[in-house]
């Protein structure tokens, strides 16, 4: 039995099992498709063009428009596979706009990996020290049991004059010729993955790469993916997908720059706690239910071979997390921003499906995670999409006419997070949306979509609806309630904050004024708000290049007191209060 995938003029046969839907088959064959709800038939984003696909499901009837149905659009998760079905992508995802650069100062070069010359006298009757002891006495490098069997022959064939690569004082390899030593820093975001490749001897940057997270076919958010990880398919596929993606991205950078991936000796990994667990293959089900307990939060270093990554003589370090919903990416952002070193009260916000927020200064930081939902990443928004080519990223009004800009300057396909905030702020400034979030249907800026619903039409069929406004309210209310909860718990005032750092892609591309105007950020501090780029990736890189910074990450994690907002007494009142579109100056 087979189904067929038609793409770029090529028809590919895909095998399937009885009872599977199209989404499950695509996953099984490693074909990426966006599925924010994880295949639950709710989000309407896993759109395909299908022939011979049978009757529409009830979910499809509720979600797809008349025009969609006429054009053969179906939802991959709702279409049961039958012999001879032909599917093709709807349009295409476009090229993603993924932030890789962070605000890096001068990188200190003192990595955990070192390549050193080993030169020593051969043993004699008067010097009968064991081979392992001789190596340690010369370079202070311990020889692990796994290397002991090959050590005697290597030393003698090399005339006791070789090169040793060690990791934190433990031998990784022994070579006759001086080897390369490369390192990779990886930021595993829920939506995107960024990779940085450096020479650990010279400190030279070799290259960077970025891609959409291959796990997204199992859901747009961590909860959906965690639920998927509890199934046999998800448990096997989710770790495999992300590990293979990391190796593939690093390999691509190596190939483009004439390097060998077999020279990679250290990989540092950051991500939220669930992403870190899924990478390591650890169970996540206890993180997603009260009292939200991870398996591990400490820094963990393992051999790449233990993770079936196909890399010899390579260590993988996952940076420490703080709690179930404040992960290694937040800890990395803290060290990249220098929050753990400054005496100035600083606020760090990484706005995503879960908004990680840290308030404090050297030795005294508190943090929380606000469940904003995936609205700012395009999910649950009628015309929402990720930050890919064709997404409207900026919206403004000029001489009464709505203007917009898309990623890649191509025809609009949807609305990404930064455009969403701009559009909402525009409606608030123009009085079309009041402080309660009610959209004035009589406004000249409001028209109707194909279903006859009142919407703010931006262009190219892309619009903002009343339902979308409600999603924005929920998301921004959660973020600001989180901020104000930390301010209350810290015993300070918003006016005491000297710097506000916006981390991540959304924080980098968002208009600060628009965010302040809708009450997503503290309006009275707009002058000290600034993006810090991919601070998580920058922190992973700093830890890769400087072993002291890796130690600092553990210290920073221990100094961050976590506030669980679901049990914090003031949070619900603050959430309701910050649902309103009121920007206090």
Protein backbone atom coordinates (compact mmCIF):
# COMPACT_ATOMS: atom_id res chain seq x y z
CA UNK A 1 0.00 0.00 0.00
CA UNK A 2 1.26 3.45 -0.81
CA UNK A 3 0.40 7.10 -0.84
CA UNK A 4 2.13 9.67 -3.01
CA UNK A 5 3.80 12.98 -2.24
CA UNK A 6 3.88 15.40 -5.18
CA UNK A 7 6.49 18.14 -4.75
CA UNK A 8 8.52 20.22 -7.20
CA UNK A 9 7.24 18.10 -10.08
CA UNK A 10 8.44 14.86 -8.50
CA UNK A 11 6.06 12.16 -7.22
CA UNK A 12 7.43 10.12 -4.32
CA UNK A 13 5.83 6.90 -3.07
CA UNK A 14 5.39 6.71 0.70
CA UNK A 15 4.49 3.47 2.47
CA UNK A 16 1.99 3.56 5.30
CA UNK A 17 0.21 1.38 7.84
CA UNK A 18 -3.50 0.75 7.96
CA UNK A 19 -5.34 3.40 9.98
CA UNK A 20 -2.67 6.10 9.81
CA UNK A 21 -3.46 9.67 8.88
CA UNK A 22 -1.36 11.73 6.46
CA UNK A 23 0.44 13.64 9.24
CA UNK A 24 1.58 10.41 10.88
CA UNK A 25 2.91 9.09 7.57
CA UNK A 26 4.80 12.31 6.84
CA UNK A 27 6.37 12.21 10.30
CA UNK A 28 7.37 8.59 9.85
CA UNK A 29 9.17 9.45 6.61
CA UNK A 30 10.92 12.50 8.14
CA UNK A 31 8.97 15.00 6.04
CA UNK A 32 8.49 18.26 7.93
CA UNK A 33 5.08 19.85 8.16
CA UNK A 34 3.84 22.48 10.60
CA UNK A 35 1.39 21.07 13.14
CA UNK A 36 1.09 23.47 16.11
CA UNK A 37 -1.59 21.41 17.91
CA UNK A 38 0.39 18.20 17.39
CA UNK A 39 -2.21 16.60 15.16
CA UNK A 40 -5.27 17.22 17.30
CA UNK A 41 -7.32 18.71 14.46
CA UNK A 42 -7.65 22.07 16.23
CA UNK A 43 -5.20 24.58 14.79
CA UNK A 44 -5.87 24.15 11.05
CA UNK A 45 -2.20 24.72 10.16
CA UNK A 46 -1.17 21.32 8.73
CA UNK A 47 -2.66 22.26 5.37
CA UNK A 48 -2.05 20.14 2.29
CA UNK A 49 -3.53 19.79 -1.19
CA UNK A 50 -5.02 16.30 -1.53
CA UNK A 51 -6.50 14.18 -4.30
CA UNK A 52 -8.54 11.02 -3.69
CA UNK A 53 -8.70 11.92 -0.01
CA UNK A 54 -12.28 10.97 0.78
CA UNK A 55 -14.89 12.95 2.70
CA UNK A 56 -14.14 15.98 4.86
CA UNK A 57 -13.97 15.33 8.60
CA UNK A 58 -16.11 17.36 10.99
CA UNK A 59 -13.02 19.29 12.13
CA UNK A 60 -12.16 20.18 8.53
CA UNK A 61 -15.71 21.36 7.91
CA UNK A 62 -15.45 23.66 10.92
CA UNK A 63 -11.98 25.03 10.10
CA UNK A 64 -11.63 25.19 6.30
CA UNK A 65 -13.32 27.93 4.27
CA UNK A 66 -15.44 27.31 1.20
CA UNK A 67 -12.57 28.60 -0.95
CA UNK A 68 -10.15 26.20 0.78
CA UNK A 69 -12.38 23.23 0.02
CA UNK A 70 -12.82 24.30 -3.61
CA UNK A 71 -9.03 24.46 -3.95
CA UNK A 72 -8.56 20.96 -2.53
CA UNK A 73 -7.11 22.06 0.80
CA UNK A 74 -7.24 19.42 3.55
CA UNK A 75 -5.76 19.02 7.03
CA UNK A 76 -3.06 16.35 7.15
CA UNK A 77 -4.02 15.19 10.64
CA UNK A 78 -7.65 14.66 9.61
CA UNK A 79 -7.15 12.74 6.37
CA UNK A 80 -7.01 8.96 6.75
CA UNK A 81 -4.60 7.44 4.26
CA UNK A 82 -5.95 5.16 1.57
CA UNK A 83 -4.25 3.51 -1.38
CA UNK A 84 -3.59 5.94 -4.23
CA UNK A 85 -4.02 9.20 -2.29
CA UNK A 86 -1.86 12.03 -3.69
CA UNK A 87 -0.87 14.98 -1.51
CA UNK A 88 1.29 18.05 -2.00
CA UNK A 89 2.32 20.98 0.21
CA UNK A 90 0.06 24.00 0.18
CA UNK A 91 2.24 26.81 -1.17
CA UNK A 92 5.30 26.14 0.99
CA UNK A 93 6.71 27.23 4.30
CA UNK A 94 9.17 29.73 2.88
CA UNK A 95 12.55 30.49 4.34
CA UNK A 96 12.54 31.08 8.07
CA UNK A 97 13.82 34.30 9.60
CA UNK A 98 15.81 32.90 12.50
CA UNK A 99 17.86 35.04 14.84
CA UNK A 100 21.33 33.64 15.46
CA UNK A 101 23.42 36.60 16.60
CA UNK A 102 23.56 37.72 20.19
CA UNK A 103 25.26 40.69 21.81
CA UNK A 104 28.74 39.24 22.31
CA UNK A 105 31.65 41.14 23.73
CA UNK A 106 35.21 39.88 23.45
CA UNK A 107 35.08 36.11 23.89
CA UNK A 108 37.48 34.73 26.46
CA UNK A 109 39.31 31.68 25.08
CA UNK A 110 39.79 29.08 27.79
CA UNK A 111 37.70 26.09 26.68
CA UNK A 112 37.16 22.80 28.46
CA UNK A 113 38.87 21.13 25.48
CA UNK A 114 42.62 21.52 25.06
CA UNK A 115 45.13 20.14 22.53
CA UNK A 116 48.62 19.90 23.99
CA UNK A 117 51.99 18.49 23.06
CA UNK A 118 52.96 15.43 25.09
CA UNK A 119 56.70 14.87 25.16
CA UNK A 120 58.35 12.68 27.79
CA UNK A 121 61.21 10.31 28.38
CA UNK A 122 60.73 6.62 27.70
CA UNK A 123 60.50 4.35 30.76
CA UNK A 124 63.72 2.84 32.12
CA UNK A 125 64.68 0.44 34.87
CA UNK A 126 65.09 3.49 37.08
CA UNK A 127 61.74 5.02 36.05
CA UNK A 128 59.02 2.38 36.14
CA UNK A 129 55.98 4.61 36.52
CA UNK A 130 52.83 3.28 34.81
CA UNK A 131 51.95 4.85 31.49
CA UNK A 132 48.89 6.58 32.94
CA UNK A 133 50.98 8.09 35.73
CA UNK A 134 53.60 9.37 33.30
CA UNK A 135 50.92 11.14 31.25
CA UNK A 136 49.42 12.69 34.36
CA UNK A 137 52.78 13.81 35.73
CA UNK A 138 53.60 15.51 32.42
CA UNK A 139 50.29 17.23 31.57
CA UNK A 140 48.03 16.69 34.62
CA UNK A 141 45.71 14.71 32.34
CA UNK A 142 43.92 11.61 33.61
CA UNK A 143 43.55 8.63 31.29
CA UNK A 144 40.06 7.11 31.47
CA UNK A 145 39.61 3.35 31.45
CA UNK A 146 38.21 3.50 27.89
CA UNK A 147 41.58 4.80 26.61
CA UNK A 148 43.91 2.59 28.65
CA UNK A 149 43.92 -0.41 26.32
CA UNK A 150 45.27 1.60 23.37
CA UNK A 151 47.64 3.78 25.42
CA UNK A 152 50.80 1.60 25.60
CA UNK A 153 50.99 0.96 21.85
CA UNK A 154 50.24 4.58 20.95
CA UNK A 155 52.93 5.93 23.27
CA UNK A 156 55.63 3.60 22.02
CA UNK A 157 54.80 3.89 18.32
CA UNK A 158 54.83 7.65 18.74
CA UNK A 159 58.18 7.64 20.53
CA UNK A 160 56.55 9.19 23.59
CA UNK A 161 56.11 12.38 21.54
CA UNK A 162 52.45 12.91 20.63
CA UNK A 163 49.50 15.25 20.98
CA UNK A 164 46.82 14.87 23.63
CA UNK A 165 43.32 16.26 23.40
CA UNK A 166 41.69 16.43 26.81
CA UNK A 167 38.35 17.56 28.18
CA UNK A 168 38.50 19.12 31.65
CA UNK A 169 41.69 17.22 32.41
CA UNK A 170 40.58 13.84 31.03
CA UNK A 171 42.14 12.39 27.89
CA UNK A 172 39.89 12.22 24.82
CA UNK A 173 42.43 11.15 22.18
CA UNK A 174 46.12 10.62 21.56
CA UNK A 175 47.47 11.56 18.09
CA UNK A 176 50.80 11.52 16.32
CA UNK A 177 49.96 14.70 14.38
CA UNK A 178 48.42 17.80 15.93
CA UNK A 179 44.64 17.48 15.50
CA UNK A 180 41.98 20.12 15.00
CA UNK A 181 39.60 20.77 17.88
CA UNK A 182 36.25 22.27 16.97
CA UNK A 183 33.33 23.12 19.21
CA UNK A 184 29.66 23.74 18.56
CA UNK A 185 27.15 25.72 20.60
CA UNK A 186 23.51 24.83 19.99
CA UNK A 187 20.39 26.73 21.02
CA UNK A 188 17.41 24.37 20.80
CA UNK A 189 14.37 26.59 20.75
CA UNK A 190 10.85 25.24 20.67
CA UNK A 191 10.42 26.73 17.20
CA UNK A 192 13.96 27.15 15.88
CA UNK A 193 17.44 25.74 16.32
CA UNK A 194 20.64 27.80 15.98
CA UNK A 195 24.14 26.31 15.66
CA UNK A 196 27.55 27.99 16.02
CA UNK A 197 30.84 26.32 15.07
CA UNK A 198 34.17 27.59 16.43
CA UNK A 199 37.82 26.58 16.45
CA UNK A 200 38.61 25.86 20.10
CA UNK A 201 42.34 26.49 19.64
CA UNK A 202 42.25 29.83 17.86
CA UNK A 203 38.82 31.10 18.92
CA UNK A 204 37.94 31.67 15.27
CA UNK A 205 34.30 31.55 14.25
CA UNK A 206 33.92 29.02 11.45
CA UNK A 207 30.24 29.41 10.68
CA UNK A 208 26.65 29.47 11.90
CA UNK A 209 23.45 27.77 10.84
CA UNK A 210 19.77 27.94 11.70
CA UNK A 211 16.69 25.89 10.99
CA UNK A 212 13.14 25.32 12.16
CA UNK A 213 12.99 22.71 14.92
CA UNK A 214 12.39 19.32 13.32
CA UNK A 215 10.21 18.32 16.28
CA UNK A 216 7.52 20.87 15.37
CA UNK A 217 5.54 18.24 13.48
CA UNK A 218 4.72 16.85 16.95
CA UNK A 219 3.32 20.22 18.06
CA UNK A 220 4.15 23.94 18.28
CA UNK A 221 4.42 24.07 22.08
CA UNK A 222 6.25 22.10 24.74
CA UNK A 223 3.10 20.69 26.33
CA UNK A 224 1.90 19.13 23.08
CA UNK A 225 5.36 17.69 22.43
CA UNK A 226 5.60 16.37 25.97
CA UNK A 227 2.27 14.63 25.51
CA UNK A 228 3.59 13.15 22.25
CA UNK A 229 6.72 11.96 24.06
CA UNK A 230 4.54 9.76 26.27
CA UNK A 231 3.55 7.68 23.22
CA UNK A 232 5.76 4.95 21.76
CA UNK A 233 6.17 6.91 18.51
CA UNK A 234 7.02 10.19 20.21
CA UNK A 235 9.37 8.61 22.74
CA UNK A 236 11.39 7.12 19.89
CA UNK A 237 11.14 9.95 17.39
CA UNK A 238 11.45 13.20 19.37
CA UNK A 239 15.01 12.64 20.74
CA UNK A 240 16.09 11.10 17.43
CA UNK A 241 14.80 14.05 15.40
CA UNK A 242 16.60 16.71 17.41
CA UNK A 243 19.89 14.81 17.77
CA UNK A 244 20.00 14.10 14.05
CA UNK A 245 19.17 17.73 13.34
CA UNK A 246 22.02 18.96 15.56
CA UNK A 247 24.53 16.63 13.85
CA UNK A 248 23.20 17.57 10.41
CA UNK A 249 23.43 21.31 11.08
CA UNK A 250 26.97 21.04 12.45
CA UNK A 251 27.96 18.80 9.55
CA UNK A 252 26.59 21.29 7.02
CA UNK A 253 28.67 24.09 8.56
CA UNK A 254 31.76 21.87 8.53
CA UNK A 255 31.30 20.89 4.88
CA UNK A 256 30.77 24.51 3.78
CA UNK A 257 34.00 25.51 5.50
CA UNK A 258 36.23 22.56 4.59
CA UNK A 259 36.22 21.03 8.05
CA UNK A 260 35.53 17.51 9.27
CA UNK A 261 32.72 16.90 11.72
CA UNK A 262 34.98 14.25 13.28
CA UNK A 263 37.07 17.15 14.61
CA UNK A 264 34.19 18.36 16.80
CA UNK A 265 35.23 17.70 20.38
CA UNK A 266 32.63 19.59 22.44
CA UNK A 267 29.00 20.59 21.96
CA UNK A 268 27.16 22.84 24.42
CA UNK A 269 23.37 22.64 24.41
CA UNK A 270 20.81 25.09 25.75
CA UNK A 271 17.04 25.01 25.57
CA UNK A 272 14.05 25.15 27.85
CA UNK A 273 13.77 22.32 30.37
CA UNK A 274 11.45 20.18 28.25
CA UNK A 275 13.60 20.69 25.14
CA UNK A 276 16.66 19.67 27.16
CA UNK A 277 14.88 16.57 28.44
CA UNK A 278 13.67 15.61 24.97
CA UNK A 279 17.21 16.01 23.61
CA UNK A 280 18.55 13.72 26.34
CA UNK A 281 15.66 11.28 25.97
CA UNK A 282 14.49 11.85 29.54
CA UNK A 283 10.79 11.58 30.47
CA UNK A 284 8.92 14.88 30.58
CA UNK A 285 5.48 13.93 31.87
CA UNK A 286 6.16 15.12 35.43
CA UNK A 287 7.19 18.57 34.19
CA UNK A 288 3.79 19.20 32.62
CA UNK A 289 1.70 18.44 35.70
CA UNK A 290 1.82 19.79 39.25
CA UNK A 291 4.17 20.05 41.02
CA UNK A 292 6.17 20.31 37.71
CA UNK A 293 9.25 18.25 38.59
CA UNK A 294 12.08 17.66 36.07
CA UNK A 295 14.28 14.57 36.14
CA UNK A 296 17.41 16.71 36.36
CA UNK A 297 18.35 20.40 36.43
CA UNK A 298 22.12 20.20 36.96
CA UNK A 299 24.67 20.66 34.20
CA UNK A 300 25.16 17.32 32.49
CA UNK A 301 28.09 16.22 30.31
CA UNK A 302 27.92 12.93 28.41
CA UNK A 303 29.72 11.31 25.51
CA UNK A 304 28.08 12.00 22.15
CA UNK A 305 28.22 8.27 21.50
CA UNK A 306 25.90 7.71 24.48
CA UNK A 307 23.30 9.78 22.60
CA UNK A 308 23.78 7.83 19.35
CA UNK A 309 25.03 10.98 17.61
CA UNK A 310 27.75 9.18 15.66
CA UNK A 311 30.57 11.43 16.90
CA UNK A 312 33.70 9.89 18.40
CA UNK A 313 35.77 11.67 21.03
CA UNK A 314 33.13 14.34 21.53
CA UNK A 315 31.53 15.54 24.76
CA UNK A 316 28.04 17.02 24.91
CA UNK A 317 27.23 19.42 27.74
CA UNK A 318 23.66 20.45 28.52
CA UNK A 319 23.78 23.62 30.60
CA UNK A 320 21.88 23.73 33.92
CA UNK A 321 18.20 24.52 34.22
CA UNK A 322 16.46 26.18 37.16
CA UNK A 323 13.03 24.56 37.24
CA UNK A 324 10.50 22.81 35.04
CA UNK A 325 9.72 25.98 33.12
CA UNK A 326 12.93 28.01 33.44
CA UNK A 327 15.57 26.21 31.47
CA UNK A 328 19.15 26.27 30.30
CA UNK A 329 18.30 28.84 27.63
CA UNK A 330 17.34 31.34 30.33
CA UNK A 331 20.47 30.58 32.38
CA UNK A 332 22.57 31.06 29.23
CA UNK A 333 20.82 34.39 28.52
CA UNK A 334 21.57 35.54 32.06
CA UNK A 335 25.33 34.98 31.69
CA UNK A 336 25.31 36.48 28.17
CA UNK A 337 23.64 39.66 29.49
CA UNK A 338 25.96 39.78 32.49
CA UNK A 339 23.05 39.80 34.95
CA UNK A 340 25.02 37.55 37.26
CA UNK A 341 27.86 40.11 37.39
CA UNK A 342 26.06 43.49 37.53
CA UNK A 343 24.96 45.56 40.53
CA UNK A 344 22.21 47.24 38.44
CA UNK A 345 18.68 45.90 38.82
CA UNK A 346 17.97 44.23 35.47
CA UNK A 347 14.90 42.62 33.94
CA UNK A 348 15.35 39.90 31.31
CA UNK A 349 12.37 38.78 29.24
CA UNK A 350 12.29 36.06 26.60
CA UNK A 351 8.83 36.15 25.08
CA UNK A 352 7.64 32.90 23.56
CA UNK A 353 5.02 30.24 24.20
CA UNK A 354 6.34 30.36 27.74
CA UNK A 355 7.69 33.78 28.65
CA UNK A 356 10.77 33.29 30.82
CA UNK A 357 11.38 36.32 33.04
CA UNK A 358 14.30 37.05 35.35
CA UNK A 359 14.61 40.05 37.69
CA UNK A 360 17.63 40.88 39.81
CA UNK A 361 21.35 41.46 39.94
CA UNK A 362 24.54 39.75 41.07
CA UNK A 363 23.83 37.07 43.67
CA UNK A 364 20.12 37.88 43.98
CA UNK A 365 17.83 36.92 41.11
CA UNK A 366 14.27 35.64 40.96
CA UNK A 367 12.58 34.14 37.95
CA UNK A 368 9.31 32.77 36.66
CA UNK A 369 7.68 31.38 33.56
CA UNK A 370 4.48 32.93 32.25
CA UNK A 371 2.33 30.68 30.08
CA UNK A 372 1.71 33.15 27.27
CA UNK A 373 0.63 30.52 24.77
CA UNK A 374 1.82 30.33 21.16
CA UNK A 375 -0.02 33.41 19.84
CA UNK A 376 3.17 35.44 19.39
CA UNK A 377 4.59 32.55 17.37
CA UNK A 378 1.62 32.55 15.02
CA UNK A 379 -0.40 29.68 16.47
CA UNK A 380 -4.09 30.09 17.35
CA UNK A 381 -4.16 33.26 15.23
CA UNK A 382 -6.47 32.93 12.21
CA UNK A 383 -3.87 34.23 9.74
CA UNK A 384 -0.93 33.52 12.04
CA UNK A 385 2.32 31.93 10.97
CA UNK A 386 5.92 31.73 12.10
CA UNK A 387 8.63 34.18 11.14
CA UNK A 388 9.13 32.81 7.63
CA UNK A 389 9.19 34.32 4.16
CA UNK A 390 5.86 35.94 3.35
CA UNK A 391 4.90 36.67 6.95
CA UNK A 392 3.79 40.24 7.63
CA UNK A 393 6.32 41.48 10.17
CA UNK A 394 5.49 45.20 10.36
CA UNK A 395 2.20 47.10 10.14
CA UNK A 396 1.62 50.86 10.22
CA UNK A 397 -0.82 53.55 9.09
CA UNK A 398 0.21 56.28 6.65
CA UNK A 399 -2.23 58.98 5.50
CA UNK A 400 -5.11 56.76 6.58
CA UNK A 401 -3.86 53.79 4.53
CA UNK A 402 -2.67 50.52 6.05
CA UNK A 403 0.93 49.70 5.14
CA UNK A 404 2.86 46.53 5.85
CA UNK A 405 6.18 44.78 5.28
CA UNK A 406 6.73 41.06 4.80
CA UNK A 407 9.76 38.93 5.50
CA UNK A 408 11.58 38.59 2.21
CA UNK A 409 9.52 41.46 0.68
CA UNK A 410 7.22 38.96 -1.04
CA UNK A 411 3.43 38.72 -1.21
CA UNK A 412 1.84 38.28 2.22
CA UNK A 413 0.94 34.79 3.38
CA UNK A 414 0.12 35.44 7.03
CA UNK A 415 0.98 37.37 10.16
CA UNK A 416 3.93 36.64 12.46
CA UNK A 417 4.42 37.82 16.04
CA UNK A 418 5.97 41.24 15.43
CA UNK A 419 3.33 42.10 12.83
CA UNK A 420 0.63 40.87 15.19
CA UNK A 421 1.74 43.29 17.91
CA UNK A 422 2.04 46.17 15.42
CA UNK A 423 -1.48 45.54 14.07
CA UNK A 424 -2.98 45.37 17.54
CA UNK A 425 -1.16 48.53 18.67
CA UNK A 426 -2.37 50.36 15.56
CA UNK A 427 -5.99 49.50 16.35
CA UNK A 428 -5.56 50.65 19.95
CA UNK A 429 -3.98 53.96 18.93
CA UNK A 430 -6.78 54.59 16.43
CA UNK A 431 -9.46 53.81 19.00
CA UNK A 432 -10.74 50.81 17.02
CA UNK A 433 -9.99 48.48 19.93
CA UNK A 434 -10.80 49.76 23.42
CA UNK A 435 -9.08 48.92 26.71
CA UNK A 436 -11.31 45.85 27.18
CA UNK A 437 -10.24 44.44 23.80
CA UNK A 438 -13.57 45.10 22.08
CA UNK A 439 -13.24 45.78 18.35
CA UNK A 440 -15.48 48.57 16.98
CA UNK A 441 -17.14 46.97 13.96
CA UNK A 442 -18.32 50.36 12.70
CA UNK A 443 -14.78 51.70 12.23
CA UNK A 444 -13.61 52.48 8.70
CA UNK A 445 -10.63 50.20 9.34
CA UNK A 446 -12.88 47.18 9.86
CA UNK A 447 -14.23 45.12 6.96
CA UNK A 448 -15.37 41.50 6.49
CA UNK A 449 -13.52 38.31 5.62
CA UNK A 450 -14.85 35.57 3.33
CA UNK A 451 -17.03 34.20 6.13
CA UNK A 452 -18.61 37.61 6.77
CA UNK A 453 -16.85 38.14 10.11
CA UNK A 454 -15.65 41.66 11.04
CA UNK A 455 -11.86 41.87 10.71
CA UNK A 456 -9.01 44.35 10.33
CA UNK A 457 -7.87 43.62 6.78
CA UNK A 458 -4.13 44.27 6.47
CA UNK A 459 -3.48 43.14 2.91
CA UNK A 460 -3.37 40.16 0.58
CA UNK A 461 -6.21 38.48 2.41
CA UNK A 462 -4.35 38.61 5.74
CA UNK A 463 -6.38 40.01 8.61
CA UNK A 464 -6.72 40.36 12.37
CA UNK A 465 -9.97 39.20 13.96
CA UNK A 466 -11.75 39.79 17.26
CA UNK A 467 -10.75 36.27 18.32
CA UNK A 468 -7.13 37.13 17.56
CA UNK A 469 -7.36 40.22 19.77
CA UNK A 470 -8.52 37.99 22.64
CA UNK A 471 -5.53 35.68 22.09
CA UNK A 472 -3.20 38.69 22.24
CA UNK A 473 -4.85 39.82 25.49
CA UNK A 474 -4.28 36.44 27.09
CA UNK A 475 -0.65 36.32 25.97
CA UNK A 476 0.34 39.85 26.92
CA UNK A 477 -1.63 39.66 30.17
CA UNK A 478 0.35 36.59 31.22
CA UNK A 479 3.72 38.20 30.41
CA UNK A 480 3.04 41.44 32.28
CA UNK A 481 1.46 39.61 35.19
CA UNK A 482 4.68 37.60 35.42
CA UNK A 483 6.77 40.77 35.40
CA UNK A 484 4.66 42.42 38.07
CA UNK A 485 4.66 39.27 40.21
CA UNK A 486 8.47 39.33 40.25
CA UNK A 487 8.52 43.06 41.01
CA UNK A 488 6.17 42.45 43.96
CA UNK A 489 8.15 39.48 45.24
CA UNK A 490 11.50 41.27 44.87
CA UNK A 491 10.18 44.18 46.92
CA UNK A 492 11.02 46.84 44.34
CA UNK A 493 9.19 49.15 41.96
CA UNK A 494 9.24 49.12 38.17
CA UNK A 495 10.96 52.51 38.35
CA UNK A 496 13.93 50.85 40.14
CA UNK A 497 14.73 48.73 37.08
CA UNK A 498 17.75 50.16 35.25
CA UNK A 499 17.77 47.89 32.18
CA UNK A 500 15.27 45.66 30.40
CA UNK A 501 16.74 43.05 28.05
CA UNK A 502 14.56 41.44 25.38
CA UNK A 503 16.00 38.07 24.44
CA UNK A 504 15.17 35.83 21.49
CA UNK A 505 13.85 36.35 18.00
CA UNK A 506 10.53 37.88 18.99
CA UNK A 507 12.21 40.36 21.32
CA UNK A 508 14.70 41.30 18.61
CA UNK A 509 12.18 42.02 15.86
CA UNK A 510 9.32 43.48 17.90
CA UNK A 511 8.63 47.22 17.95
CA UNK A 512 9.24 48.36 21.53
CA UNK A 513 6.73 51.18 21.14
CA UNK A 514 4.03 48.81 19.87
CA UNK A 515 4.74 46.36 22.69
CA UNK A 516 4.50 49.15 25.25
CA UNK A 517 1.32 50.54 23.66
CA UNK A 518 -0.52 47.23 24.08
CA UNK A 519 0.84 46.74 27.61
CA UNK A 520 3.10 43.82 26.77
CA UNK A 521 6.11 45.68 28.23
CA UNK A 522 6.32 48.34 30.98
CA UNK A 523 5.60 51.58 29.11
CA UNK A 524 7.18 53.79 31.76
CA UNK A 525 10.55 52.07 31.08
CA UNK A 526 10.47 52.11 27.28
CA UNK A 527 13.67 54.18 27.16
CA UNK A 528 15.73 51.41 28.82
CA UNK A 529 14.26 48.52 26.84
CA UNK A 530 16.50 46.96 24.23
CA UNK A 531 17.00 43.69 22.35
CA UNK A 532 19.99 41.50 23.19
CA UNK A 533 19.61 39.16 20.22
CA UNK A 534 19.84 35.42 20.70
CA UNK A 535 21.16 35.67 24.24
CA UNK A 536 20.58 31.96 24.82
CA UNK A 537 22.79 31.07 21.87
CA UNK A 538 25.36 33.64 22.96
CA UNK A 539 25.43 32.12 26.45
CA UNK A 540 25.89 28.63 25.02
CA UNK A 541 28.80 29.94 22.97
CA UNK A 542 30.39 31.75 25.91
CA UNK A 543 30.20 28.50 27.93
CA UNK A 544 31.75 26.59 25.02
CA UNK A 545 34.71 28.93 24.74
CA UNK A 546 35.35 29.55 28.44
CA UNK A 547 35.17 26.80 31.06
CA UNK A 548 34.90 29.43 33.80
CA UNK A 549 31.73 30.73 32.19
CA UNK A 550 30.42 27.17 32.20
CA UNK A 551 31.00 27.15 35.95
CA UNK A 552 29.34 30.58 36.19
CA UNK A 553 26.23 29.14 34.55
CA UNK A 554 25.86 26.63 37.36
CA UNK A 555 26.38 29.36 39.96
CA UNK A 556 23.83 31.59 38.24
CA UNK A 557 21.26 28.79 38.14
CA UNK A 558 21.69 28.20 41.86
CA UNK A 559 21.28 31.93 42.62
CA UNK A 560 17.97 32.18 40.71
CA UNK A 561 14.97 31.68 43.00
CA UNK A 562 12.02 30.31 41.06
CA UNK A 563 8.49 31.62 41.63
CA UNK A 564 5.70 29.24 40.59
CA UNK A 565 3.04 31.59 39.23
CA UNK A 566 0.23 29.02 39.38
CA UNK A 567 0.46 29.10 43.17
CA UNK A 568 1.59 32.71 43.62
CA UNK A 569 -1.24 34.48 45.50
CA UNK A 570 -1.17 37.76 43.57
CA UNK A 571 -0.81 36.34 40.06
CA UNK A 572 -4.46 35.87 39.13
CA UNK A 573 -5.39 39.42 40.11
CA UNK A 574 -2.36 40.77 38.24
CA UNK A 575 -3.28 38.67 35.21
CA UNK A 576 -6.83 40.04 35.07
CA UNK A 577 -5.54 43.59 35.59
CA UNK A 578 -2.99 43.26 32.79
CA UNK A 579 -5.47 41.78 30.33
CA UNK A 580 -6.65 45.34 29.71
CA UNK A 581 -5.04 47.35 26.92
CA UNK A 582 -3.81 50.08 29.19
CA UNK A 583 -0.24 51.29 28.97
CA UNK A 584 0.70 53.15 32.14
CA UNK A 585 3.27 55.85 31.50
